[in-house]
């Protein structure tokens, strides 16, 4: 029997978070420690700050608010940090957080998607919270990809399969 729309949404959300997280890991892996924490101007966020921010956002919105874990997020610290965490540690934290979030999504009962939760003073449905997290994660992943290209001058090759004249094995992202 085909999966219902609710399960398709939850499974796709989990797969997208995993895919985007792996792209961030690939980007950070191409950078030196100082590049991860570099800022062009004080009003910009370093890649390290964006990774901390995504970690905090996913923990607060999915793991805590939907999954029932304690909310220990200190959002301002995500942006105030100016280093002190290695790229390897940043990615390990993000990977752990995304895995926990995926577990929440995989075990979420579809009827909970319409339940209301309050996160950062916003009252949203569980479905809206998940949609927000995936959208937010994608936006910041794009920023990290752009910054990585600027810092390395490299094509990261995420869509190299589209250059081939024949079909490709990767499913549409």
C-alpha atoms as a PDB file:
ATOM      1  CA  UNK A   1       0.000   0.000   0.000  1.00  0.00           C
ATOM      2  CA  UNK A   2       1.415   3.417  -0.920  1.00  0.00           C
ATOM      3  CA  UNK A   3       2.378   5.775   1.881  1.00  0.00           C
ATOM      4  CA  UNK A   4      -0.084   8.504   2.766  1.00  0.00           C
ATOM      5  CA  UNK A   5       0.675  12.145   2.144  1.00  0.00           C
ATOM      6  CA  UNK A   6       1.623  12.613   5.791  1.00  0.00           C
ATOM      7  CA  UNK A   7       4.257   9.871   5.656  1.00  0.00           C
ATOM      8  CA  UNK A   8       5.570  11.149   2.312  1.00  0.00           C
ATOM      9  CA  UNK A   9       5.984  14.608   3.880  1.00  0.00           C
ATOM     10  CA  UNK A  10       7.760  13.270   6.975  1.00  0.00           C
ATOM     11  CA  UNK A  11      10.054  10.957   4.992  1.00  0.00           C
ATOM     12  CA  UNK A  12      10.954  13.664   2.479  1.00  0.00           C
ATOM     13  CA  UNK A  13      11.653  16.140   5.296  1.00  0.00           C
ATOM     14  CA  UNK A  14      14.003  13.646   6.954  1.00  0.00           C
ATOM     15  CA  UNK A  15      15.794  12.883   3.673  1.00  0.00           C
ATOM     16  CA  UNK A  16      16.164  16.571   2.852  1.00  0.00           C
ATOM     17  CA  UNK A  17      17.682  17.387   6.260  1.00  0.00           C
ATOM     18  CA  UNK A  18      20.119  14.490   5.827  1.00  0.00           C
ATOM     19  CA  UNK A  19      21.051  15.600   2.295  1.00  0.00           C
ATOM     20  CA  UNK A  20      21.561  19.233   3.273  1.00  0.00           C
ATOM     21  CA  UNK A  21      23.556  18.287   6.356  1.00  0.00           C
ATOM     22  CA  UNK A  22      25.905  16.185   4.225  1.00  0.00           C
ATOM     23  CA  UNK A  23      26.397  19.135   1.860  1.00  0.00           C
ATOM     24  CA  UNK A  24      27.306  21.369   4.790  1.00  0.00           C
ATOM     25  CA  UNK A  25      29.776  18.732   6.008  1.00  0.00           C
ATOM     26  CA  UNK A  26      31.347  18.586   2.556  1.00  0.00           C
ATOM     27  CA  UNK A  27      31.672  22.374   2.451  1.00  0.00           C
ATOM     28  CA  UNK A  28      33.164  22.673   5.922  1.00  0.00           C
ATOM     29  CA  UNK A  29      35.557  19.827   5.092  1.00  0.00           C
ATOM     30  CA  UNK A  30      37.047  21.938   2.289  1.00  0.00           C
ATOM     31  CA  UNK A  31      37.817  24.876   4.580  1.00  0.00           C
ATOM     32  CA  UNK A  32      40.565  25.785   7.026  1.00  0.00           C
ATOM     33  CA  UNK A  33      39.593  26.532  10.619  1.00  0.00           C
ATOM     34  CA  UNK A  34      40.023  30.275  10.142  1.00  0.00           C
ATOM     35  CA  UNK A  35      37.858  30.214   6.988  1.00  0.00           C
ATOM     36  CA  UNK A  36      35.006  28.561   8.901  1.00  0.00           C
ATOM     37  CA  UNK A  37      35.017  31.503  11.324  1.00  0.00           C
ATOM     38  CA  UNK A  38      35.811  34.264   8.798  1.00  0.00           C
ATOM     39  CA  UNK A  39      33.501  37.248   8.451  1.00  0.00           C
ATOM     40  CA  UNK A  40      33.720  39.866   5.739  1.00  0.00           C
ATOM     41  CA  UNK A  41      32.006  42.411   7.992  1.00  0.00           C
ATOM     42  CA  UNK A  42      30.746  42.456  11.549  1.00  0.00           C
ATOM     43  CA  UNK A  43      27.117  42.239  10.383  1.00  0.00           C
ATOM     44  CA  UNK A  44      27.807  38.950   8.542  1.00  0.00           C
ATOM     45  CA  UNK A  45      27.714  35.484  10.026  1.00  0.00           C
ATOM     46  CA  UNK A  46      30.621  33.105   9.640  1.00  0.00           C
ATOM     47  CA  UNK A  47      29.947  29.606   8.367  1.00  0.00           C
ATOM     48  CA  UNK A  48      30.644  28.405  11.918  1.00  0.00           C
ATOM     49  CA  UNK A  49      27.873  30.648  13.231  1.00  0.00           C
ATOM     50  CA  UNK A  50      25.449  29.339  10.621  1.00  0.00           C
ATOM     51  CA  UNK A  51      26.237  25.747  11.611  1.00  0.00           C
ATOM     52  CA  UNK A  52      25.700  26.582  15.298  1.00  0.00           C
ATOM     53  CA  UNK A  53      22.463  28.353  14.363  1.00  0.00           C
ATOM     54  CA  UNK A  54      21.132  25.399  12.366  1.00  0.00           C
ATOM     55  CA  UNK A  55      22.031  23.076  15.205  1.00  0.00           C
ATOM     56  CA  UNK A  56      20.110  25.261  17.661  1.00  0.00           C
ATOM     57  CA  UNK A  57      17.130  25.699  15.364  1.00  0.00           C
ATOM     58  CA  UNK A  58      16.698  21.980  14.661  1.00  0.00           C
ATOM     59  CA  UNK A  59      17.113  21.126  18.357  1.00  0.00           C
ATOM     60  CA  UNK A  60      14.563  23.708  19.456  1.00  0.00           C
ATOM     61  CA  UNK A  61      11.940  23.234  16.770  1.00  0.00           C
ATOM     62  CA  UNK A  62      12.043  19.467  16.188  1.00  0.00           C
ATOM     63  CA  UNK A  63      13.902  17.679  18.982  1.00  0.00           C
ATOM     64  CA  UNK A  64      12.513  19.780  21.850  1.00  0.00           C
ATOM     65  CA  UNK A  65       9.189  21.163  20.678  1.00  0.00           C
ATOM     66  CA  UNK A  66       8.029  18.105  18.729  1.00  0.00           C
ATOM     67  CA  UNK A  67      10.169  15.354  20.262  1.00  0.00           C
ATOM     68  CA  UNK A  68       9.687  16.430  23.869  1.00  0.00           C
ATOM     69  CA  UNK A  69      13.339  16.906  24.861  1.00  0.00           C
ATOM     70  CA  UNK A  70      14.322  19.911  27.032  1.00  0.00           C
ATOM     71  CA  UNK A  71      14.829  23.190  25.149  1.00  0.00           C
ATOM     72  CA  UNK A  72      18.270  24.441  26.153  1.00  0.00           C
ATOM     73  CA  UNK A  73      18.846  26.749  23.202  1.00  0.00           C
ATOM     74  CA  UNK A  74      20.661  30.056  23.690  1.00  0.00           C
ATOM     75  CA  UNK A  75      20.037  31.612  20.283  1.00  0.00           C
ATOM     76  CA  UNK A  76      22.139  34.753  20.789  1.00  0.00           C
ATOM     77  CA  UNK A  77      25.232  32.636  21.542  1.00  0.00           C
ATOM     78  CA  UNK A  78      24.955  31.025  18.097  1.00  0.00           C
ATOM     79  CA  UNK A  79      25.724  34.383  16.495  1.00  0.00           C
ATOM     80  CA  UNK A  80      28.036  35.819  19.176  1.00  0.00           C
ATOM     81  CA  UNK A  81      30.569  32.979  18.933  1.00  0.00           C
ATOM     82  CA  UNK A  82      33.801  33.951  17.217  1.00  0.00           C
ATOM     83  CA  UNK A  83      35.555  30.602  17.076  1.00  0.00           C
ATOM     84  CA  UNK A  84      36.759  28.098  19.617  1.00  0.00           C
ATOM     85  CA  UNK A  85      34.987  25.138  18.027  1.00  0.00           C
ATOM     86  CA  UNK A  86      36.786  23.146  15.377  1.00  0.00           C
ATOM     87  CA  UNK A  87      35.139  22.410  12.041  1.00  0.00           C
ATOM     88  CA  UNK A  88      35.185  18.705  12.931  1.00  0.00           C
ATOM     89  CA  UNK A  89      33.306  19.354  16.180  1.00  0.00           C
ATOM     90  CA  UNK A  90      30.792  21.661  14.459  1.00  0.00           C
ATOM     91  CA  UNK A  91      29.949  18.961  11.922  1.00  0.00           C
ATOM     92  CA  UNK A  92      29.816  16.211  14.567  1.00  0.00           C
ATOM     93  CA  UNK A  93      27.295  18.258  16.564  1.00  0.00           C
ATOM     94  CA  UNK A  94      25.196  19.025  13.504  1.00  0.00           C
ATOM     95  CA  UNK A  95      25.276  15.400  12.367  1.00  0.00           C
ATOM     96  CA  UNK A  96      24.144  14.223  15.810  1.00  0.00           C
ATOM     97  CA  UNK A  97      21.353  16.801  15.885  1.00  0.00           C
ATOM     98  CA  UNK A  98      20.103  15.930  12.407  1.00  0.00           C
ATOM     99  CA  UNK A  99      20.127  12.206  13.274  1.00  0.00           C
ATOM    100  CA  UNK A 100      18.056  12.915  16.398  1.00  0.00           C
ATOM    101  CA  UNK A 101      15.630  15.046  14.379  1.00  0.00           C
ATOM    102  CA  UNK A 102      15.289  12.312  11.760  1.00  0.00           C
ATOM    103  CA  UNK A 103      14.429   9.845  14.517  1.00  0.00           C
ATOM    104  CA  UNK A 104      11.701  12.215  15.723  1.00  0.00           C
ATOM    105  CA  UNK A 105      10.325  12.501  12.183  1.00  0.00           C
ATOM    106  CA  UNK A 106      10.489   8.748  11.567  1.00  0.00           C
ATOM    107  CA  UNK A 107       8.575   7.969  14.759  1.00  0.00           C
ATOM    108  CA  UNK A 108       6.092  10.841  14.625  1.00  0.00           C
ATOM    109  CA  UNK A 109       2.483   9.716  14.483  1.00  0.00           C
ATOM    110  CA  UNK A 110       0.868  11.344  11.428  1.00  0.00           C
ATOM    111  CA  UNK A 111      -2.102  12.594  13.468  1.00  0.00           C
ATOM    112  CA  UNK A 112       0.285  14.856  15.400  1.00  0.00           C
ATOM    113  CA  UNK A 113       0.963  16.934  12.269  1.00  0.00           C
ATOM    114  CA  UNK A 114      -2.096  19.079  12.991  1.00  0.00           C
ATOM    115  CA  UNK A 115      -1.356  19.537  16.715  1.00  0.00           C
ATOM    116  CA  UNK A 116      -0.405  23.065  17.747  1.00  0.00           C
ATOM    117  CA  UNK A 117       2.897  23.898  19.449  1.00  0.00           C
ATOM    118  CA  UNK A 118       4.398  27.187  20.601  1.00  0.00           C
ATOM    119  CA  UNK A 119       8.024  27.782  19.612  1.00  0.00           C
ATOM    120  CA  UNK A 120       9.781  31.137  20.094  1.00  0.00           C
ATOM    121  CA  UNK A 121       6.366  32.694  20.816  1.00  0.00           C
ATOM    122  CA  UNK A 122       4.995  31.413  17.479  1.00  0.00           C
ATOM    123  CA  UNK A 123       1.983  29.121  17.592  1.00  0.00           C
ATOM    124  CA  UNK A 124       2.253  26.707  14.672  1.00  0.00           C
ATOM    125  CA  UNK A 125       1.141  23.232  13.722  1.00  0.00           C
ATOM    126  CA  UNK A 126       3.695  20.445  13.945  1.00  0.00           C
ATOM    127  CA  UNK A 127       3.591  20.270  10.135  1.00  0.00           C
ATOM    128  CA  UNK A 128       4.366  24.002   9.904  1.00  0.00           C
ATOM    129  CA  UNK A 129       7.234  23.605  12.386  1.00  0.00           C
ATOM    130  CA  UNK A 130       8.800  20.827  10.304  1.00  0.00           C
ATOM    131  CA  UNK A 131       8.302  22.783   7.089  1.00  0.00           C
ATOM    132  CA  UNK A 132       9.925  25.823   8.704  1.00  0.00           C
ATOM    133  CA  UNK A 133      12.958  23.819   9.813  1.00  0.00           C
ATOM    134  CA  UNK A 134      13.555  22.237   6.399  1.00  0.00           C
ATOM    135  CA  UNK A 135      13.090  25.564   4.606  1.00  0.00           C
ATOM    136  CA  UNK A 136      15.335  27.380   7.101  1.00  0.00           C
ATOM    137  CA  UNK A 137      17.982  24.654   6.852  1.00  0.00           C
ATOM    138  CA  UNK A 138      17.940  24.887   3.047  1.00  0.00           C
ATOM    139  CA  UNK A 139      18.336  28.667   3.068  1.00  0.00           C
ATOM    140  CA  UNK A 140      21.377  28.586   5.327  1.00  0.00           C
ATOM    141  CA  UNK A 141      22.845  25.621   3.448  1.00  0.00           C
ATOM    142  CA  UNK A 142      22.702  27.790   0.329  1.00  0.00           C
ATOM    143  CA  UNK A 143      24.589  30.525   2.161  1.00  0.00           C
ATOM    144  CA  UNK A 144      27.236  28.030   3.294  1.00  0.00           C
ATOM    145  CA  UNK A 145      27.605  26.651  -0.234  1.00  0.00           C
ATOM    146  CA  UNK A 146      27.953  30.176  -1.650  1.00  0.00           C
ATOM    147  CA  UNK A 147      30.535  31.160   0.974  1.00  0.00           C
ATOM    148  CA  UNK A 148      32.484  27.943   0.390  1.00  0.00           C
ATOM    149  CA  UNK A 149      32.596  28.601  -3.347  1.00  0.00           C
ATOM    150  CA  UNK A 150      33.790  32.149  -2.670  1.00  0.00           C
ATOM    151  CA  UNK A 151      36.500  30.976  -0.263  1.00  0.00           C
ATOM    152  CA  UNK A 152      37.751  28.037  -2.336  1.00  0.00           C
ATOM    153  CA  UNK A 153      36.995  29.071  -5.909  1.00  0.00           C
ATOM    154  CA  UNK A 154      35.760  25.515  -6.490  1.00  0.00           C
ATOM    155  CA  UNK A 155      32.689  24.080  -8.106  1.00  0.00           C
ATOM    156  CA  UNK A 156      31.406  21.786  -5.370  1.00  0.00           C
ATOM    157  CA  UNK A 157      29.874  19.393  -7.903  1.00  0.00           C
ATOM    158  CA  UNK A 158      26.542  18.846  -6.170  1.00  0.00           C
ATOM    159  CA  UNK A 159      24.754  18.826  -9.525  1.00  0.00           C
ATOM    160  CA  UNK A 160      27.476  17.413 -11.761  1.00  0.00           C
ATOM    161  CA  UNK A 161      25.170  14.520 -12.676  1.00  0.00           C
ATOM    162  CA  UNK A 162      22.989  16.996 -14.587  1.00  0.00           C
ATOM    163  CA  UNK A 163      25.835  17.755 -17.004  1.00  0.00           C
ATOM    164  CA  UNK A 164      25.827  14.218 -18.388  1.00  0.00           C
ATOM    165  CA  UNK A 165      24.084  13.633 -21.706  1.00  0.00           C
ATOM    166  CA  UNK A 166      22.482  10.470 -20.366  1.00  0.00           C
ATOM    167  CA  UNK A 167      20.227  10.033 -17.356  1.00  0.00           C
ATOM    168  CA  UNK A 168      21.396  10.088 -13.790  1.00  0.00           C
ATOM    169  CA  UNK A 169      20.879   7.905 -10.760  1.00  0.00           C
ATOM    170  CA  UNK A 170      20.212  10.649  -8.208  1.00  0.00           C
ATOM    171  CA  UNK A 171      16.598  11.360  -7.471  1.00  0.00           C
ATOM    172  CA  UNK A 172      15.375  14.927  -7.724  1.00  0.00           C
ATOM    173  CA  UNK A 173      16.459  16.790  -4.553  1.00  0.00           C
END
